Amino acid sequence: MPERPDQPGEPAGTREWMAIVLLALGASIFAWVAAIVLIWLSSAWTLRDKQIATLVMPVGMLVYLLSPGLTDLSIETVFLCVVLLSIIPAVYLAVRLRRY
């Protein structure tokens, strides 16, 4: 049966929780990519959940790079933004996983 975009499939398992942990560690590009792969392989989230988790980090970084004045921020501020951009979708997915 094909996955409906508005309803999750299987209940959460180890793969889903590993994806959330890796996504939260997304300050590393390798952890972020591994998390996104696990998220898209899972049927525990809806299509919308997967899209949100996938796009928050790249869109956030794109906004940062294209915003005049923001590129003058300190490395600590940029790192904090990257950490927040990885934690926000991880928390979102964890909350969504608990609801199903």
C-alpha atoms as a PDB file:
ATOM      1  CA  MET A   1       0.000   0.000   0.000  1.00  0.00           C
ATOM      2  CA  PRO A   2       1.542   3.353  -0.970  1.00  0.00           C
ATOM      3  CA  GLU A   3       2.226   5.900   1.697  1.00  0.00           C
ATOM      4  CA  ARG A   4      -0.431   8.579   1.991  1.00  0.00           C
ATOM      5  CA  PRO A   5       1.173  11.968   2.453  1.00  0.00           C
ATOM      6  CA  ASP A   6      -1.176  12.962   5.258  1.00  0.00           C
ATOM      7  CA  GLN A   7      -0.857   9.868   7.435  1.00  0.00           C
ATOM      8  CA  PRO A   8       2.205   8.111   8.838  1.00  0.00           C
ATOM      9  CA  GLY A   9       2.725   4.414   8.229  1.00  0.00           C
ATOM     10  CA  GLU A  10       4.606   2.244  10.683  1.00  0.00           C
ATOM     11  CA  PRO A  11       5.079   3.020  14.374  1.00  0.00           C
ATOM     12  CA  ALA A  12       8.365   4.514  15.521  1.00  0.00           C
ATOM     13  CA  GLY A  13      11.374   2.279  15.903  1.00  0.00           C
ATOM     14  CA  THR A  14      15.121   2.520  16.323  1.00  0.00           C
ATOM     15  CA  ARG A  15      15.609   4.019  12.859  1.00  0.00           C
ATOM     16  CA  GLU A  16      13.313   6.943  13.638  1.00  0.00           C
ATOM     17  CA  TRP A  17      14.926   7.762  16.966  1.00  0.00           C
ATOM     18  CA  MET A  18      18.398   7.436  15.423  1.00  0.00           C
ATOM     19  CA  ALA A  19      17.328   9.902  12.707  1.00  0.00           C
ATOM     20  CA  ILE A  20      16.199  12.380  15.378  1.00  0.00           C
ATOM     21  CA  VAL A  21      19.501  12.081  17.263  1.00  0.00           C
ATOM     22  CA  LEU A  22      21.533  12.501  14.068  1.00  0.00           C
ATOM     23  CA  LEU A  23      19.406  15.454  13.025  1.00  0.00           C
ATOM     24  CA  ALA A  24      20.016  17.101  16.396  1.00  0.00           C
ATOM     25  CA  LEU A  25      23.746  16.608  15.766  1.00  0.00           C
ATOM     26  CA  GLY A  26      23.310  18.253  12.377  1.00  0.00           C
ATOM     27  CA  ALA A  27      26.093  20.764  12.928  1.00  0.00           C
ATOM     28  CA  SER A  28      28.080  18.004  11.228  1.00  0.00           C
ATOM     29  CA  ILE A  29      27.075  17.764   7.564  1.00  0.00           C
ATOM     30  CA  PHE A  30      27.595  13.985   7.654  1.00  0.00           C
ATOM     31  CA  ALA A  31      25.189  13.549  10.572  1.00  0.00           C
ATOM     32  CA  TRP A  32      22.635  15.788   8.850  1.00  0.00           C
ATOM     33  CA  VAL A  33      22.822  13.840   5.569  1.00  0.00           C
ATOM     34  CA  ALA A  34      22.549  10.493   7.402  1.00  0.00           C
ATOM     35  CA  ALA A  35      19.544  11.790   9.341  1.00  0.00           C
ATOM     36  CA  ILE A  36      17.784  12.967   6.184  1.00  0.00           C
ATOM     37  CA  VAL A  37      18.345   9.583   4.513  1.00  0.00           C
ATOM     38  CA  LEU A  38      16.893   7.779   7.547  1.00  0.00           C
ATOM     39  CA  ILE A  39      13.940  10.159   7.670  1.00  0.00           C
ATOM     40  CA  TRP A  40      13.075   9.571   4.022  1.00  0.00           C
ATOM     41  CA  LEU A  41      13.460   5.783   4.395  1.00  0.00           C
ATOM     42  CA  SER A  42      11.007   5.753   7.291  1.00  0.00           C
ATOM     43  CA  SER A  43       7.264   5.539   6.882  1.00  0.00           C
ATOM     44  CA  ALA A  44       6.626   6.766  10.423  1.00  0.00           C
ATOM     45  CA  TRP A  45       6.378  10.405   9.311  1.00  0.00           C
ATOM     46  CA  THR A  46       4.145  12.098   6.796  1.00  0.00           C
ATOM     47  CA  LEU A  47       5.459  13.620   3.593  1.00  0.00           C
ATOM     48  CA  ARG A  48       5.035  17.079   5.150  1.00  0.00           C
ATOM     49  CA  ASP A  49       7.119  16.068   8.192  1.00  0.00           C
ATOM     50  CA  LYS A  50       9.905  14.815   5.925  1.00  0.00           C
ATOM     51  CA  GLN A  51       9.881  17.971   3.827  1.00  0.00           C
ATOM     52  CA  ILE A  52      10.058  20.220   6.890  1.00  0.00           C
ATOM     53  CA  ALA A  53      12.944  18.236   8.386  1.00  0.00           C
ATOM     54  CA  THR A  54      14.798  18.296   5.075  1.00  0.00           C
ATOM     55  CA  LEU A  55      14.379  21.971   4.265  1.00  0.00           C
ATOM     56  CA  VAL A  56      14.878  23.794   7.592  1.00  0.00           C
ATOM     57  CA  MET A  57      18.692  23.595   7.576  1.00  0.00           C
ATOM     58  CA  PRO A  58      19.366  24.469   3.903  1.00  0.00           C
ATOM     59  CA  VAL A  59      16.747  27.224   3.768  1.00  0.00           C
ATOM     60  CA  GLY A  60      18.006  28.690   7.047  1.00  0.00           C
ATOM     61  CA  MET A  61      21.574  28.690   5.799  1.00  0.00           C
ATOM     62  CA  LEU A  62      20.496  30.179   2.465  1.00  0.00           C
ATOM     63  CA  VAL A  63      18.708  33.011   4.266  1.00  0.00           C
ATOM     64  CA  TYR A  64      21.849  33.607   6.306  1.00  0.00           C
ATOM     65  CA  LEU A  65      24.104  33.694   3.233  1.00  0.00           C
ATOM     66  CA  LEU A  66      21.807  35.946   1.210  1.00  0.00           C
ATOM     67  CA  SER A  67      20.986  38.438   3.975  1.00  0.00           C
ATOM     68  CA  PRO A  68      23.156  41.530   3.835  1.00  0.00           C
ATOM     69  CA  GLY A  69      24.771  42.276   7.147  1.00  0.00           C
ATOM     70  CA  LEU A  70      24.332  38.789   8.580  1.00  0.00           C
ATOM     71  CA  THR A  71      27.530  37.513   7.012  1.00  0.00           C
ATOM     72  CA  ASP A  72      29.496  39.806   9.345  1.00  0.00           C
ATOM     73  CA  LEU A  73      28.400  37.806  12.409  1.00  0.00           C
ATOM     74  CA  SER A  74      30.974  36.068  14.585  1.00  0.00           C
ATOM     75  CA  ILE A  75      31.750  32.380  14.099  1.00  0.00           C
ATOM     76  CA  GLU A  76      30.123  31.645  17.470  1.00  0.00           C
ATOM     77  CA  THR A  77      26.858  33.213  16.333  1.00  0.00           C
ATOM     78  CA  VAL A  78      26.921  31.283  13.065  1.00  0.00           C
ATOM     79  CA  PHE A  79      27.591  28.043  14.947  1.00  0.00           C
ATOM     80  CA  LEU A  80      24.693  28.769  17.299  1.00  0.00           C
ATOM     81  CA  CYS A  81      22.417  29.322  14.298  1.00  0.00           C
ATOM     82  CA  VAL A  82      23.514  26.011  12.751  1.00  0.00           C
ATOM     83  CA  VAL A  83      22.883  24.192  16.033  1.00  0.00           C
ATOM     84  CA  LEU A  84      19.423  25.744  16.336  1.00  0.00           C
ATOM     85  CA  LEU A  85      18.642  24.917  12.704  1.00  0.00           C
ATOM     86  CA  SER A  86      19.406  21.278  13.436  1.00  0.00           C
ATOM     87  CA  ILE A  87      17.656  21.053  16.821  1.00  0.00           C
ATOM     88  CA  ILE A  88      14.378  22.677  15.730  1.00  0.00           C
ATOM     89  CA  PRO A  89      13.446  20.007  13.140  1.00  0.00           C
ATOM     90  CA  ALA A  90      14.649  17.252  15.493  1.00  0.00           C
ATOM     91  CA  VAL A  91      12.277  18.463  18.206  1.00  0.00           C
ATOM     92  CA  TYR A  92       9.498  18.850  15.625  1.00  0.00           C
ATOM     93  CA  LEU A  93       9.931  15.241  14.431  1.00  0.00           C
ATOM     94  CA  ALA A  94      10.101  13.909  18.002  1.00  0.00           C
ATOM     95  CA  VAL A  95       6.844  15.663  18.870  1.00  0.00           C
ATOM     96  CA  ARG A  96       5.196  14.382  15.681  1.00  0.00           C
ATOM     97  CA  LEU A  97       6.457  10.865  16.394  1.00  0.00           C
ATOM     98  CA  ARG A  98       4.899  10.922  19.862  1.00  0.00           C
ATOM     99  CA  ARG A  99       1.531  11.941  18.408  1.00  0.00           C
ATOM    100  CA  TYR A 100       1.261   8.919  16.128  1.00  0.00           C
END
